[in-house]
Protein backbone atom coordinates (compact mmCIF):
# COMPACT_ATOMS: atom_id res chain seq x y z
CA MET A 1 0.00 0.00 0.00
CA SER A 2 1.47 3.38 -0.99
CA GLU A 3 0.57 6.91 0.02
CA GLU A 4 -1.85 8.70 -2.29
CA PRO A 5 -3.09 12.26 -2.85
CA ILE A 6 -6.46 13.12 -1.38
CA PRO A 7 -9.24 12.26 -3.87
CA ALA A 8 -11.33 15.42 -3.32
CA VAL A 9 -10.18 18.43 -5.37
CA GLU A 10 -12.40 21.33 -6.47
CA ALA A 11 -11.45 23.99 -9.00
CA GLU A 12 -13.34 26.91 -7.45
CA PHE A 13 -14.16 27.56 -3.81
CA SER A 14 -17.73 28.07 -2.61
CA TRP A 15 -19.26 27.76 0.84
CA ASP A 16 -22.26 25.86 -0.58
CA THR A 17 -19.95 23.20 -2.01
CA LEU A 18 -17.94 22.90 1.19
CA VAL A 19 -20.94 22.66 3.52
CA GLU A 20 -22.97 20.26 1.34
CA ARG A 21 -20.16 17.86 0.40
CA TYR A 22 -17.29 18.10 2.88
CA TRP A 23 -18.12 19.83 6.20
CA ASP A 24 -17.35 17.38 9.06
CA ARG A 25 -16.92 14.61 6.44
CA ARG A 26 -13.53 14.58 4.63
CA PRO A 27 -10.64 16.77 3.44
CA VAL A 28 -10.87 18.78 0.23
CA LEU A 29 -8.48 21.03 -1.69
CA PHE A 30 -9.81 24.11 -3.50
CA ARG A 31 -7.50 25.36 -6.26
CA SER A 32 -8.81 28.92 -6.32
CA VAL A 33 -10.37 31.24 -3.71
CA THR A 34 -11.87 34.59 -4.75
CA PRO A 35 -11.73 37.01 -3.07
CA ALA A 36 -8.70 35.89 -1.08
CA PRO A 37 -9.22 36.14 2.70
CA PHE A 38 -5.55 36.94 3.32
CA GLU A 39 -2.89 38.99 1.54
CA ALA A 40 0.86 38.45 1.95
CA SER A 41 1.69 42.05 2.86
CA GLU A 42 -1.12 42.18 5.42
CA VAL A 43 -0.06 38.84 6.87
CA PHE A 44 3.54 40.00 7.21
CA ARG A 45 2.42 43.15 9.02
CA ALA A 46 0.40 41.02 11.46
CA ALA A 47 3.36 38.64 11.88
CA VAL A 48 5.55 41.56 12.96
CA ALA A 49 2.90 42.85 15.38
CA GLY A 50 2.34 39.35 16.77
CA SER A 51 6.08 38.83 17.30
CA ARG A 52 6.44 41.84 19.57
CA GLY A 53 5.99 41.69 23.32
CA ALA A 54 8.88 39.56 24.56
CA HIS A 55 9.06 39.16 28.32
CA GLU A 56 11.22 41.58 30.30
CA ASP A 57 13.71 38.77 30.89
CA GLY A 58 14.03 38.27 27.12
CA ARG A 59 11.89 35.16 26.78
CA MET A 60 9.79 34.50 23.67
CA PRO A 61 6.38 36.28 23.49
CA PRO A 62 3.70 33.95 24.91
CA ASN A 63 1.88 33.60 21.58
CA VAL A 64 4.99 32.76 19.50
CA GLN A 65 6.90 29.53 18.94
CA PHE A 66 10.18 29.38 17.04
CA THR A 67 12.07 26.14 16.42
CA VAL A 68 15.38 25.38 14.73
CA GLU A 69 15.83 21.77 13.58
CA HIS A 70 13.00 20.63 15.94
CA VAL A 71 14.52 22.43 18.95
CA GLN A 72 12.27 25.13 20.38
CA ARG A 73 13.92 28.45 21.17
CA ASP A 74 12.97 30.14 24.45
CA ALA A 75 14.24 33.60 23.44
CA PRO A 76 13.82 35.61 20.19
CA ALA A 77 17.55 36.31 19.72
CA GLY A 78 16.87 38.21 16.49
CA ALA A 79 14.96 35.33 14.87
CA LEU A 80 11.50 36.96 14.65
CA PRO A 81 10.23 39.22 11.82
CA THR A 82 10.59 43.00 12.27
CA ASP A 83 9.43 46.19 10.56
CA GLU A 84 12.94 46.59 9.17
CA ASP A 85 12.57 43.34 7.19
CA GLY A 86 9.58 44.79 5.33
CA SER A 87 8.49 41.51 3.72
CA PHE A 88 8.70 37.76 4.07
CA ASP A 89 11.31 37.64 1.28
CA ALA A 90 13.68 39.94 3.19
CA TYR A 91 12.97 38.13 6.46
CA ASP A 92 13.76 34.78 4.82
CA ALA A 93 17.05 36.09 3.43
CA ARG A 94 18.10 37.47 6.82
CA LEU A 95 17.12 34.26 8.59
CA ALA A 96 18.89 32.00 6.06
CA ALA A 97 22.15 33.86 6.72
CA ARG A 98 21.61 33.86 10.48
CA LEU A 99 20.75 30.15 10.73
CA ASP A 100 23.23 28.99 8.09
CA GLY A 101 20.53 27.13 6.18
CA ARG A 102 19.16 25.16 9.14
CA ARG A 103 15.45 24.34 9.00
CA HIS A 104 13.20 26.50 11.11
CA ALA A 105 9.53 27.10 11.98
CA LEU A 106 7.74 30.26 13.10
CA VAL A 107 4.27 29.80 14.63
CA VAL A 108 2.19 32.81 15.73
CA ASN A 109 -0.99 31.97 17.68
CA GLY A 110 -4.05 34.20 18.01
CA PHE A 111 -2.92 35.71 14.73
CA HIS A 112 -6.04 37.68 13.78
CA ALA A 113 -5.88 39.78 16.97
CA PHE A 114 -2.74 41.57 15.77
CA ASP A 115 -4.16 43.36 12.73
CA PRO A 116 -7.67 44.88 12.60
CA ALA A 117 -7.78 44.97 8.78
CA LEU A 118 -6.82 41.30 8.51
CA TRP A 119 -9.38 40.43 11.19
CA SER A 120 -12.12 42.35 9.38
CA ARG A 121 -11.38 40.61 6.07
CA GLU A 122 -11.32 37.22 7.79
CA ARG A 123 -14.67 37.82 9.52
CA ALA A 124 -16.30 38.84 6.24
CA PHE A 125 -14.97 35.72 4.50
CA PHE A 126 -16.27 33.32 7.17
CA ASP A 127 -19.65 34.97 7.71
CA PRO A 128 -21.41 32.69 5.16
CA LEU A 129 -20.14 29.62 7.05
CA TRP A 130 -21.55 30.89 10.36
CA ARG A 131 -24.88 31.50 8.61
CA ALA A 132 -24.90 27.90 7.40
CA VAL A 133 -23.58 25.98 10.43
CA GLY A 134 -23.85 28.47 13.33
CA LEU A 135 -21.45 30.76 15.16
CA PRO A 136 -18.77 28.87 17.16
CA LEU A 137 -19.58 28.67 20.87
CA THR A 138 -15.98 29.64 21.54
CA GLY A 139 -14.11 31.70 18.99
CA ALA A 140 -12.33 30.22 16.00
CA ILE A 141 -8.54 30.47 16.15
CA THR A 142 -6.07 31.80 13.58
CA THR A 143 -2.46 30.64 13.40
CA LEU A 144 0.45 31.63 11.15
CA PHE A 145 2.87 28.90 10.05
CA HIS A 146 6.07 29.97 8.29
CA GLY A 147 9.43 28.42 7.59
CA THR A 148 11.42 25.58 6.07
CA TYR A 149 10.66 22.97 8.74
CA GLU A 150 10.70 19.31 7.75
CA HIS A 151 7.35 18.73 9.47
CA SER A 152 5.12 20.39 12.06
CA PRO A 153 7.05 20.72 15.35
CA VAL A 154 4.37 18.74 17.23
CA GLY A 155 4.36 15.90 14.66
CA VAL A 156 1.26 13.87 13.79
CA HIS A 157 -1.69 14.92 15.95
CA LYS A 158 -5.44 15.53 16.04
CA ASP A 159 -7.06 18.84 17.00
CA ARG A 160 -10.51 19.66 18.28
CA PHE A 161 -10.80 22.04 15.32
CA ALA A 162 -12.00 21.72 11.76
CA THR A 163 -9.21 23.49 9.90
CA PHE A 164 -8.91 25.75 6.86
CA MET A 165 -5.37 26.22 5.55
CA PHE A 166 -4.72 29.11 3.15
CA GLY A 167 -1.52 28.92 1.11
CA LEU A 168 0.29 32.24 0.77
CA ARG A 169 3.88 31.52 -0.29
CA GLY A 170 5.81 28.39 -1.26
CA ARG A 171 4.32 24.93 -1.17
CA LYS A 172 3.33 22.87 1.84
CA ARG A 173 2.22 19.25 2.12
CA MET A 174 -0.47 18.17 4.57
CA ARG A 175 -0.67 14.46 5.36
CA PHE A 176 -3.83 12.81 6.77
CA TRP A 177 -5.02 9.65 8.48
CA PRO A 178 -8.77 9.11 9.16
CA ARG A 179 -7.88 7.40 12.46
CA ARG A 180 -4.85 7.20 14.74
CA PRO A 181 -2.11 5.34 12.84
CA TRP A 182 -0.19 4.04 15.89
CA ASP A 183 -0.98 1.81 18.87
CA GLU A 184 1.24 3.48 21.46
CA ALA A 185 -0.43 5.42 24.27
CA VAL A 186 0.73 8.83 23.02
CA SER A 187 -1.28 11.71 21.56
CA THR A 188 1.37 12.99 19.11
CA LYS A 189 4.22 11.45 17.19
CA THR A 190 7.20 13.01 15.42
CA ASP A 191 8.77 9.75 14.16
CA TYR A 192 5.93 8.72 11.87
CA ALA A 193 7.83 7.55 8.75
CA ARG A 194 6.54 3.97 9.00
CA HIS A 195 2.94 5.25 8.94
CA THR A 196 3.15 7.37 5.77
CA ALA A 197 2.07 4.51 3.49
CA ALA A 198 -1.36 4.53 5.15
CA SER A 199 -1.79 8.30 4.68
CA VAL A 200 -3.21 10.56 2.01
CA TYR A 201 -1.74 13.97 1.30
CA ALA A 202 -2.37 17.30 -0.39
CA ASP A 203 0.19 19.81 -1.66
CA VAL A 204 -1.02 23.37 -1.10
CA GLY A 205 0.35 26.34 -3.03
CA PRO A 206 -0.29 30.08 -3.09
CA GLY A 207 -3.95 31.01 -3.51
CA GLU A 208 -5.23 27.53 -2.60
CA LEU A 209 -7.39 26.47 0.34
CA LEU A 210 -7.33 23.09 2.08
CA TYR A 211 -10.04 21.98 4.52
CA TRP A 212 -10.03 18.97 6.85
CA PRO A 213 -12.43 17.86 9.62
CA ALA A 214 -11.53 17.74 13.29
CA ASP A 215 -11.40 13.93 13.51
CA TYR A 216 -8.47 13.52 11.05
CA TYR A 217 -4.92 12.97 12.31
CA HIS A 218 -2.55 15.16 10.34
CA VAL A 219 0.92 16.66 10.02
CA GLY A 220 2.33 19.50 7.92
CA GLU A 221 5.48 19.00 5.85
CA SER A 222 7.65 21.15 3.58
CA ALA A 223 6.97 20.26 -0.06
CA SER A 224 10.21 21.96 -1.19
CA ALA A 225 13.37 23.53 0.22
CA ALA A 226 11.96 27.05 -0.11
CA PRO A 227 10.16 28.70 2.85
CA ALA A 228 6.39 28.22 2.92
CA THR A 229 3.81 30.51 4.53
CA SER A 230 0.24 29.60 5.39
CA VAL A 231 -2.55 30.86 7.66
CA ASN A 232 -4.68 28.24 9.41
CA VAL A 233 -8.17 28.93 10.77
CA GLY A 234 -9.49 26.39 13.27
CA VAL A 235 -13.22 26.11 14.03
CA PRO A 236 -13.89 24.25 17.32
CA ARG A 237 -15.89 21.05 16.70
CA ASP A 238 -14.81 18.39 19.24
CA GLU A 239 -14.19 18.15 22.99
CA HIS A 240 -15.99 21.35 23.87
CA HIS A 241 -15.92 22.02 27.61
CA ALA A 242 -18.45 24.04 29.59
CA GLY A 243 -15.46 25.39 31.51
CA TYR A 244 -14.62 27.65 28.57
CA GLU A 245 -17.95 29.45 29.00
CA LEU A 246 -17.58 29.46 32.80
CA GLU A 247 -14.23 31.23 32.51
CA ASP A 248 -15.85 33.83 30.27
CA LEU A 249 -18.56 34.45 32.84
CA LEU A 250 -16.22 34.69 35.82
CA ALA A 251 -13.48 36.96 34.54
CA ASP A 252 -12.04 38.95 31.66
CA LEU A 253 -8.88 37.00 30.89
CA ASP A 254 -5.80 38.67 29.42
CA PRO A 255 -6.05 38.47 25.59
CA ALA A 256 -2.28 37.96 25.37
CA ARG A 257 -2.65 34.75 27.38
CA LEU A 258 -5.69 33.65 25.38
CA ALA A 259 -3.51 33.82 22.26
CA GLY A 260 -0.80 31.64 23.80
CA HIS A 261 0.04 28.01 23.14
CA GLY A 262 -2.97 25.73 23.21
CA GLY A 263 -5.60 28.05 24.61
CA LEU A 264 -7.18 28.32 28.03
CA ASP A 265 -6.62 24.81 29.28
CA THR A 266 -2.81 25.01 28.92
CA LEU A 267 -2.20 28.45 30.43
CA PRO A 268 0.82 28.44 32.74
CA ALA A 269 -0.16 28.35 36.40
CA THR A 270 1.54 29.95 39.37
CA PRO A 271 1.09 29.05 43.05
CA ASP A 272 -1.31 31.99 43.42
CA THR A 273 -3.45 31.09 40.41
CA ALA A 274 -3.39 27.29 40.30
CA LEU A 275 -6.56 25.53 41.37
CA THR A 276 -4.96 22.39 42.77
CA ALA A 277 -7.00 19.48 44.12
CA ARG A 278 -5.61 18.82 47.59
CA GLY A 279 -6.57 15.73 49.52
CA PRO A 280 -5.84 14.86 53.16
CA GLY A 281 -2.30 15.22 54.38
CA ARG A 282 -0.21 12.51 56.05
CA GLU A 283 -2.19 12.90 59.25
CA GLY A 284 -5.45 12.30 57.38
CA LEU A 285 -6.58 15.90 57.85
CA LEU A 286 -7.68 18.36 55.20
CA ALA A 287 -5.85 21.63 54.78
CA PRO A 288 -7.00 24.26 57.31
CA ALA A 289 -7.84 26.78 54.54
CA LEU A 290 -8.72 26.76 50.88
CA PRO A 291 -5.97 27.70 48.39
CA LYS A 292 -5.98 31.41 47.61
CA ALA A 293 -7.18 30.96 44.01
CA LEU A 294 -10.02 28.66 45.06
CA THR A 295 -11.13 31.15 47.69
CA THR A 296 -11.17 33.87 45.02
CA ALA A 297 -13.23 31.65 42.68
CA VAL A 298 -15.75 30.85 45.43
CA HIS A 299 -16.16 34.55 46.19
CA ALA A 300 -16.66 35.26 42.48
CA LEU A 301 -19.29 32.55 42.20
CA TYR A 302 -21.08 33.93 45.26
CA GLU A 303 -21.08 37.41 43.75
CA PHE A 304 -22.43 36.18 40.41
CA ALA A 305 -25.09 34.12 42.15
CA GLU A 306 -26.86 37.44 42.65
CA PRO A 307 -29.35 37.42 39.72
CA VAL A 308 -28.84 41.01 38.57
CA ALA A 309 -25.03 40.71 38.47
CA MET A 310 -25.15 37.34 36.72
CA GLY A 311 -27.71 38.58 34.22
CA ARG A 312 -25.59 41.58 33.32
CA ARG A 313 -22.49 39.44 32.93
CA VAL A 314 -24.33 37.05 30.59
CA THR A 315 -25.51 40.05 28.56
CA VAL A 316 -21.98 41.44 28.25
CA VAL A 317 -20.41 38.12 27.26
CA SER A 318 -23.18 37.41 24.74
CA LEU A 319 -22.86 40.82 23.11
CA ARG A 320 -19.09 40.45 22.89
CA ARG A 321 -19.39 37.02 21.28
CA TRP A 322 -22.06 37.97 18.76
CA THR A 323 -20.21 41.11 17.65
CA ALA A 324 -16.77 39.44 17.52
CA GLY A 325 -17.91 37.61 14.39
CA GLY A 326 -16.60 34.21 15.44
CA PHE A 327 -12.97 35.21 16.10
CA GLU A 328 -11.61 35.89 19.58
CA PRO A 329 -9.60 37.45 21.14
CA VAL A 330 -10.43 40.59 19.18
CA PRO A 331 -7.97 43.36 18.27
CA PRO A 332 -7.78 45.95 21.08
CA ALA A 333 -9.82 49.13 20.77
CA ALA A 334 -8.04 52.28 19.60
CA PRO A 335 -7.83 55.36 21.86
CA PRO A 336 -11.01 57.48 21.47
CA ARG A 337 -10.66 60.81 19.62
CA ALA A 338 -12.86 63.89 19.99
CA LEU A 339 -15.57 64.33 17.32
CA MET A 340 -16.67 67.74 16.04
CA ASP A 341 -20.13 68.42 14.58
CA THR A 342 -18.57 68.84 11.13
CA ASP A 343 -16.79 65.46 11.16
CA ARG A 344 -18.45 62.91 8.88
CA LEU A 345 -18.96 59.29 9.89
CA ARG A 346 -19.67 56.17 7.90
CA GLY A 347 -20.87 52.86 9.35
CA ASP A 348 -18.67 49.80 8.76
CA ARG A 349 -20.51 47.43 6.42
CA HIS A 350 -19.02 44.36 8.14
CA THR A 351 -19.89 45.55 11.66
CA ARG A 352 -23.22 45.22 13.40
CA ILE A 353 -23.84 47.33 16.48
CA ARG A 354 -25.87 45.43 19.09
CA TRP A 355 -27.30 46.50 22.43
CA ASP A 356 -29.35 45.29 25.36
CA PRO A 357 -31.02 47.05 28.32
CA ASP A 358 -28.78 47.55 31.37
CA GLY A 359 -31.49 48.13 33.96
CA PRO A 360 -32.81 51.63 34.64
CA ALA A 361 -29.35 53.15 34.10
CA GLY A 362 -29.27 52.75 30.32
CA THR A 363 -27.96 50.26 27.78
CA VAL A 364 -24.99 48.00 27.12
CA CYS A 365 -23.87 48.73 23.54
CA ALA A 366 -21.35 46.48 21.74
CA ALA A 367 -19.45 46.28 18.45
CA ASN A 368 -16.51 44.24 17.21
CA GLY A 369 -16.19 42.29 20.47
CA HIS A 370 -16.07 45.37 22.73
CA GLU A 371 -18.83 46.84 24.88
CA THR A 372 -19.60 50.13 26.61
CA HIS A 373 -22.38 51.56 28.76
CA THR A 374 -24.54 54.42 27.56
CA SER A 375 -27.51 56.32 28.95
CA LEU A 376 -29.18 56.16 25.52
CA GLY A 377 -32.14 53.86 25.00
CA HIS A 378 -33.34 51.46 22.31
CA HIS A 379 -35.14 54.02 20.13
CA GLU A 380 -32.20 56.42 20.09
CA LEU A 381 -29.76 53.64 19.18
CA ARG A 382 -32.10 52.39 16.46
CA ARG A 383 -32.29 55.88 14.93
CA LEU A 384 -28.49 56.10 15.10
CA THR A 385 -27.84 52.76 13.35
CA ASP A 386 -30.47 53.53 10.70
CA ALA A 387 -28.79 56.88 9.98
CA LEU A 388 -25.38 55.17 9.65
CA SER A 389 -26.64 52.42 7.34
CA GLY A 390 -26.73 54.55 4.19
CA ARG A 391 -24.08 54.74 1.49
CA ASP A 392 -22.98 58.31 2.23
CA PRO A 393 -21.12 59.61 5.30
CA VAL A 394 -23.20 61.63 7.77
CA PRO A 395 -22.02 64.74 9.68
CA VAL A 396 -21.86 64.19 13.42
CA GLY A 397 -24.10 67.19 14.01
CA ASP A 398 -26.83 65.62 11.84
CA LEU A 399 -26.52 62.32 13.75
CA LEU A 400 -26.92 64.13 17.07
CA THR A 401 -29.99 66.01 15.85
CA THR A 402 -31.59 62.91 14.30
CA ALA A 403 -30.87 60.28 16.97
CA ALA A 404 -30.73 62.16 20.30
CA PRO A 405 -32.18 65.66 20.16
CA GLY A 406 -32.20 67.42 23.49
CA PRO A 407 -30.15 66.90 26.65
CA ARG A 408 -28.52 63.59 25.60
CA ARG A 409 -26.73 64.97 22.53
CA GLU A 410 -23.37 64.88 24.31
CA ASP A 411 -24.00 61.34 25.56
CA LEU A 412 -24.43 60.32 21.92
CA ARG A 413 -21.27 62.18 20.90
CA THR A 414 -19.35 60.24 23.58
CA LEU A 415 -20.85 56.99 22.34
CA LEU A 416 -19.85 57.78 18.75
CA GLU A 417 -16.28 58.44 19.89
CA VAL A 418 -16.21 55.06 21.63
CA LEU A 419 -17.77 53.28 18.63
CA GLU A 420 -15.09 54.81 16.41
CA SER A 421 -12.45 53.43 18.79
CA PHE A 422 -14.15 50.01 18.37
CA ARG A 423 -13.86 50.51 14.55
CA ALA A 424 -17.65 50.25 14.18
CA VAL A 425 -17.77 53.67 12.47
CA HIS A 426 -15.13 55.39 10.40
CA ARG A 427 -14.30 59.08 10.07
CA GLU A 428 -14.12 60.36 6.51
CA PRO A 429 -11.10 62.51 5.56
């Protein structure tokens, strides 16, 4: 038995074809995707932004992995892309000289959070899928893979994600097994040569899209000696845990940690944050006090047991999730800027502003995964969104007169400034 290419290949990409024939069923390669969800220059800009933020002690940023010949580096040491490189071609040339031709892999997790324009394009591309199969309960993930590595650093493995791989530069080979190809009690394997005969594969080049379901074991390989660049989007399908939603309800976690290796369930723990199960000691007695983190969690649960507080938290988390468009963590909001009556605003055609009552004090208003509180009510917000839905930009003064005449004009101006910082509206030159 010899390895074979995957049998499913389509000339043109369409969501109808993917959902009807392949979703949660089998891998498929699409030779052409129009419009392209990612552009090389945009991806490089996000790669630079995502590679910043090394620890004060010089360790690698928490969302970045860099390996040289299968050995993972724990410090950047000049190996990550920078603004001075300007492009992947220049970065590759600098790295080839620095590493003396050794194989390497750059992986940037939480990739969409580092460039608002890339994130917006990605959300628009995937919106038809969410309409067909539903919005992910927890956000889809985006990961950059770049380099000359022989195979994925983790080896053969299975994710809980259905995956879309977009080829940007070079050629990459993805190898698949419909079930685990080994009998050993391990979840990943880097020495898989004796299992390749039972696999199928697909070579992915620039402009092509490869999809595979969550239940397939797989590994990425270099199809040539030249560097290859791809962006993977993972949609959670298997092993969903209610704990992910519970963490959302209890606390706003640091987005930098959410974008780290492996997600929430592999975040590094410290003695103050670890929830450790502690049984009786040698004397058969339980510890005299709960661990600090467990005490904090119990207090948080007690606070949220109050119906009003829990209801508001559910509202906030729901609005964030619906407006994030399926991809979290979201890019951070920009600093608000003052708006004059003569400034003209245009609504973002990919952004929907949502809101929900926040008791007698006003409304929670959300866009692009961010929320704010406003004293404005439903009818005022409806008039505002209707006024912003046209093709032409609208002067701020007209919006204030139309949506909130009277004493709440300045409240609306403040809200517009915040919505602009959320990138839900855009100021015309």
